[in-house]
C-alpha atoms as a PDB file:
ATOM      1  CA  UNK A   1      11.993  15.083  -1.648  1.00  0.00           C
ATOM      2  CA  UNK A   2       9.176  13.318  -3.467  1.00  0.00           C
ATOM      3  CA  UNK A   3       9.438  13.240  -7.242  1.00  0.00           C
ATOM      4  CA  UNK A   4       6.237  14.535  -8.851  1.00  0.00           C
ATOM      5  CA  UNK A   5       5.284  12.260 -11.728  1.00  0.00           C
ATOM      6  CA  UNK A   6       2.249  10.605 -13.188  1.00  0.00           C
ATOM      7  CA  UNK A   7       1.180   7.592 -15.149  1.00  0.00           C
ATOM      8  CA  UNK A   8      -1.678   6.946 -17.525  1.00  0.00           C
ATOM      9  CA  UNK A   9      -2.823   4.654 -20.311  1.00  0.00           C
ATOM     10  CA  UNK A  10      -2.216   5.872 -23.844  1.00  0.00           C
ATOM     11  CA  UNK A  11      -5.323   6.495 -25.962  1.00  0.00           C
ATOM     12  CA  UNK A  12      -3.797   4.923 -29.062  1.00  0.00           C
ATOM     13  CA  UNK A  13      -2.703   1.562 -27.617  1.00  0.00           C
ATOM     14  CA  UNK A  14      -3.664   1.429 -23.878  1.00  0.00           C
ATOM     15  CA  UNK A  15      -0.023   0.994 -22.798  1.00  0.00           C
ATOM     16  CA  UNK A  16       1.046   2.581 -19.507  1.00  0.00           C
ATOM     17  CA  UNK A  17       3.367   5.593 -19.791  1.00  0.00           C
ATOM     18  CA  UNK A  18       5.125   7.425 -16.967  1.00  0.00           C
ATOM     19  CA  UNK A  19       6.259  11.028 -16.777  1.00  0.00           C
ATOM     20  CA  UNK A  20       4.889  14.548 -16.423  1.00  0.00           C
ATOM     21  CA  UNK A  21       1.198  15.460 -16.752  1.00  0.00           C
ATOM     22  CA  UNK A  22       0.113  18.358 -18.969  1.00  0.00           C
ATOM     23  CA  UNK A  23      -3.179  19.494 -20.425  1.00  0.00           C
ATOM     24  CA  UNK A  24      -2.676  20.452 -24.066  1.00  0.00           C
ATOM     25  CA  UNK A  25      -4.537  23.741 -24.616  1.00  0.00           C
ATOM     26  CA  UNK A  26      -4.598  23.190 -28.375  1.00  0.00           C
ATOM     27  CA  UNK A  27      -6.939  20.216 -28.155  1.00  0.00           C
ATOM     28  CA  UNK A  28      -7.825  20.038 -24.408  1.00  0.00           C
ATOM     29  CA  UNK A  29      -6.284  16.557 -24.260  1.00  0.00           C
ATOM     30  CA  UNK A  30      -4.460  15.320 -21.150  1.00  0.00           C
ATOM     31  CA  UNK A  31      -0.974  14.085 -21.955  1.00  0.00           C
ATOM     32  CA  UNK A  32       1.952  12.431 -20.227  1.00  0.00           C
ATOM     33  CA  UNK A  33       5.345  13.712 -21.336  1.00  0.00           C
ATOM     34  CA  UNK A  34       7.737  10.789 -21.176  1.00  0.00           C
ATOM     35  CA  UNK A  35      10.853  12.788 -22.029  1.00  0.00           C
ATOM     36  CA  UNK A  36      11.724  16.440 -22.500  1.00  0.00           C
ATOM     37  CA  UNK A  37      13.619  17.573 -25.580  1.00  0.00           C
ATOM     38  CA  UNK A  38      15.161  21.009 -25.258  1.00  0.00           C
ATOM     39  CA  UNK A  39      17.259  20.825 -28.420  1.00  0.00           C
ATOM     40  CA  UNK A  40      14.218  21.648 -30.562  1.00  0.00           C
ATOM     41  CA  UNK A  41      13.651  24.983 -28.831  1.00  0.00           C
ATOM     42  CA  UNK A  42      10.443  23.724 -27.237  1.00  0.00           C
ATOM     43  CA  UNK A  43       9.799  22.116 -23.885  1.00  0.00           C
ATOM     44  CA  UNK A  44       8.637  18.877 -25.469  1.00  0.00           C
ATOM     45  CA  UNK A  45       7.928  17.239 -28.775  1.00  0.00           C
ATOM     46  CA  UNK A  46       4.423  15.986 -29.436  1.00  0.00           C
ATOM     47  CA  UNK A  47       5.838  12.512 -30.158  1.00  0.00           C
ATOM     48  CA  UNK A  48       6.998  12.420 -26.522  1.00  0.00           C
ATOM     49  CA  UNK A  49       3.674  13.723 -25.118  1.00  0.00           C
ATOM     50  CA  UNK A  50       1.219  10.858 -25.381  1.00  0.00           C
ATOM     51  CA  UNK A  51      -2.547  11.421 -25.301  1.00  0.00           C
ATOM     52  CA  UNK A  52      -3.907   9.720 -22.179  1.00  0.00           C
ATOM     53  CA  UNK A  53      -7.247   8.163 -21.214  1.00  0.00           C
ATOM     54  CA  UNK A  54      -8.256  10.710 -18.525  1.00  0.00           C
ATOM     55  CA  UNK A  55      -9.672   8.287 -15.944  1.00  0.00           C
ATOM     56  CA  UNK A  56      -6.394   6.305 -15.879  1.00  0.00           C
ATOM     57  CA  UNK A  57      -4.197   9.225 -14.770  1.00  0.00           C
ATOM     58  CA  UNK A  58      -2.583   8.569 -11.408  1.00  0.00           C
ATOM     59  CA  UNK A  59      -0.082  10.444  -9.272  1.00  0.00           C
ATOM     60  CA  UNK A  60       3.056   8.755  -7.907  1.00  0.00           C
ATOM     61  CA  UNK A  61       2.761   8.338  -4.124  1.00  0.00           C
ATOM     62  CA  UNK A  62       6.479   8.650  -3.453  1.00  0.00           C
ATOM     63  CA  UNK A  63       6.342   5.115  -2.017  1.00  0.00           C
ATOM     64  CA  UNK A  64       7.354   1.672  -3.242  1.00  0.00           C
ATOM     65  CA  UNK A  65       6.091  -1.778  -2.396  1.00  0.00           C
ATOM     66  CA  UNK A  66       8.117  -4.642  -0.886  1.00  0.00           C
ATOM     67  CA  UNK A  67       9.358  -5.550  -4.395  1.00  0.00           C
ATOM     68  CA  UNK A  68      10.709  -2.013  -4.966  1.00  0.00           C
ATOM     69  CA  UNK A  69       7.922  -1.139  -7.464  1.00  0.00           C
ATOM     70  CA  UNK A  70       6.587   2.428  -7.499  1.00  0.00           C
ATOM     71  CA  UNK A  71       3.062   2.840  -6.138  1.00  0.00           C
ATOM     72  CA  UNK A  72       0.576   5.109  -7.971  1.00  0.00           C
ATOM     73  CA  UNK A  73      -3.046   6.117  -7.457  1.00  0.00           C
ATOM     74  CA  UNK A  74      -5.253   3.285  -8.633  1.00  0.00           C
ATOM     75  CA  UNK A  75      -2.912   0.473  -7.630  1.00  0.00           C
ATOM     76  CA  UNK A  76      -4.343  -2.422  -5.645  1.00  0.00           C
ATOM     77  CA  UNK A  77      -2.193  -3.501  -2.702  1.00  0.00           C
ATOM     78  CA  UNK A  78      -2.157  -6.664  -0.638  1.00  0.00           C
ATOM     79  CA  UNK A  79      -0.617  -6.851   2.801  1.00  0.00           C
ATOM     80  CA  UNK A  80       2.009  -9.489   3.499  1.00  0.00           C
ATOM     81  CA  UNK A  81       0.214  -9.982   6.833  1.00  0.00           C
ATOM     82  CA  UNK A  82      -3.195 -10.749   5.321  1.00  0.00           C
ATOM     83  CA  UNK A  83      -3.801 -14.330   4.226  1.00  0.00           C
ATOM     84  CA  UNK A  84      -7.433 -13.733   3.259  1.00  0.00           C
ATOM     85  CA  UNK A  85      -6.703 -12.380  -0.216  1.00  0.00           C
ATOM     86  CA  UNK A  86      -8.250  -8.998   0.538  1.00  0.00           C
ATOM     87  CA  UNK A  87      -6.743  -5.840  -0.891  1.00  0.00           C
ATOM     88  CA  UNK A  88      -6.879  -2.060  -0.674  1.00  0.00           C
ATOM     89  CA  UNK A  89      -7.023   0.603  -3.383  1.00  0.00           C
ATOM     90  CA  UNK A  90      -4.577   3.527  -3.365  1.00  0.00           C
ATOM     91  CA  UNK A  91      -6.370   6.871  -3.554  1.00  0.00           C
ATOM     92  CA  UNK A  92      -5.568  10.562  -3.186  1.00  0.00           C
ATOM     93  CA  UNK A  93      -7.784  13.175  -1.610  1.00  0.00           C
ATOM     94  CA  UNK A  94      -9.677  13.973   1.543  1.00  0.00           C
ATOM     95  CA  UNK A  95     -10.058  11.128   4.037  1.00  0.00           C
ATOM     96  CA  UNK A  96     -10.621  10.554   7.734  1.00  0.00           C
ATOM     97  CA  UNK A  97      -7.891   9.315  10.077  1.00  0.00           C
ATOM     98  CA  UNK A  98      -7.986   8.721  13.796  1.00  0.00           C
ATOM     99  CA  UNK A  99      -5.595  10.774  15.943  1.00  0.00           C
ATOM    100  CA  UNK A 100      -4.688   8.923  19.144  1.00  0.00           C
ATOM    101  CA  UNK A 101      -3.213  12.061  20.752  1.00  0.00           C
ATOM    102  CA  UNK A 102      -6.410  14.107  20.323  1.00  0.00           C
ATOM    103  CA  UNK A 103      -8.706  11.057  20.598  1.00  0.00           C
ATOM    104  CA  UNK A 104     -10.741  12.106  17.571  1.00  0.00           C
ATOM    105  CA  UNK A 105     -11.224  11.555  13.859  1.00  0.00           C
ATOM    106  CA  UNK A 106      -9.595  14.214  11.698  1.00  0.00           C
ATOM    107  CA  UNK A 107      -9.939  15.143   8.059  1.00  0.00           C
ATOM    108  CA  UNK A 108      -6.698  14.757   6.110  1.00  0.00           C
ATOM    109  CA  UNK A 109      -5.666  15.352   2.517  1.00  0.00           C
ATOM    110  CA  UNK A 110      -3.143  13.054   0.901  1.00  0.00           C
ATOM    111  CA  UNK A 111      -2.610   9.461  -0.163  1.00  0.00           C
ATOM    112  CA  UNK A 112      -4.675   6.820   1.570  1.00  0.00           C
ATOM    113  CA  UNK A 113      -5.955   3.302   1.043  1.00  0.00           C
ATOM    114  CA  UNK A 114      -9.553   2.142   1.060  1.00  0.00           C
ATOM    115  CA  UNK A 115     -10.759  -1.432   1.511  1.00  0.00           C
ATOM    116  CA  UNK A 116     -13.895  -3.116   0.152  1.00  0.00           C
ATOM    117  CA  UNK A 117     -15.820  -2.135   3.282  1.00  0.00           C
ATOM    118  CA  UNK A 118     -15.068   1.563   2.814  1.00  0.00           C
ATOM    119  CA  UNK A 119     -12.519   1.758   5.645  1.00  0.00           C
ATOM    120  CA  UNK A 120      -9.903   4.420   4.931  1.00  0.00           C
ATOM    121  CA  UNK A 121      -6.427   4.842   6.399  1.00  0.00           C
ATOM    122  CA  UNK A 122      -3.314   6.844   5.483  1.00  0.00           C
ATOM    123  CA  UNK A 123      -0.991   5.081   3.042  1.00  0.00           C
ATOM    124  CA  UNK A 124       1.953   4.996   5.440  1.00  0.00           C
ATOM    125  CA  UNK A 125       5.242   3.182   4.976  1.00  0.00           C
ATOM    126  CA  UNK A 126       4.377   0.609   2.294  1.00  0.00           C
ATOM    127  CA  UNK A 127       7.903  -0.759   1.826  1.00  0.00           C
ATOM    128  CA  UNK A 128       7.446  -3.009   4.860  1.00  0.00           C
ATOM    129  CA  UNK A 129       4.004  -4.498   4.180  1.00  0.00           C
ATOM    130  CA  UNK A 130       2.564  -3.875   0.693  1.00  0.00           C
ATOM    131  CA  UNK A 131       2.724  -5.775  -2.579  1.00  0.00           C
ATOM    132  CA  UNK A 132       1.121  -4.428  -5.779  1.00  0.00           C
ATOM    133  CA  UNK A 133      -1.327  -7.063  -7.039  1.00  0.00           C
ATOM    134  CA  UNK A 134      -3.187  -5.113  -9.691  1.00  0.00           C
ATOM    135  CA  UNK A 135      -4.768  -1.920 -10.823  1.00  0.00           C
ATOM    136  CA  UNK A 136      -8.299  -0.517 -10.964  1.00  0.00           C
ATOM    137  CA  UNK A 137      -7.666   0.380 -14.626  1.00  0.00           C
ATOM    138  CA  UNK A 138      -6.511  -3.079 -15.751  1.00  0.00           C
END
């Protein structure tokens, strides 16, 4: 089962944090909860729920690269088979994929990668080919 978690850059210092995404209704700020603290009688303490720069929020894909690093939306991946230095961006949403069985392009929803030419393909099994080389939010 895939673990649902997010990452994002903190507003106060731009450091990456990883955990659970919430939208704080008190101030309409997106936050990442890095740890839950039930001993206080609340689900989390505000010191553990960091304010996040909204455009940096990314969902964990459930996949890792060849170096056993978790892959999130916004990561840039390079293929071990590609010597040209090109890369793809990890995205989530609606994309087209070709179905050999039906011999047609189909609309899918999920994680996919997109290259600089706009070509999209499902993310697939990254552990055998992908290496994280950067991030669109660097």
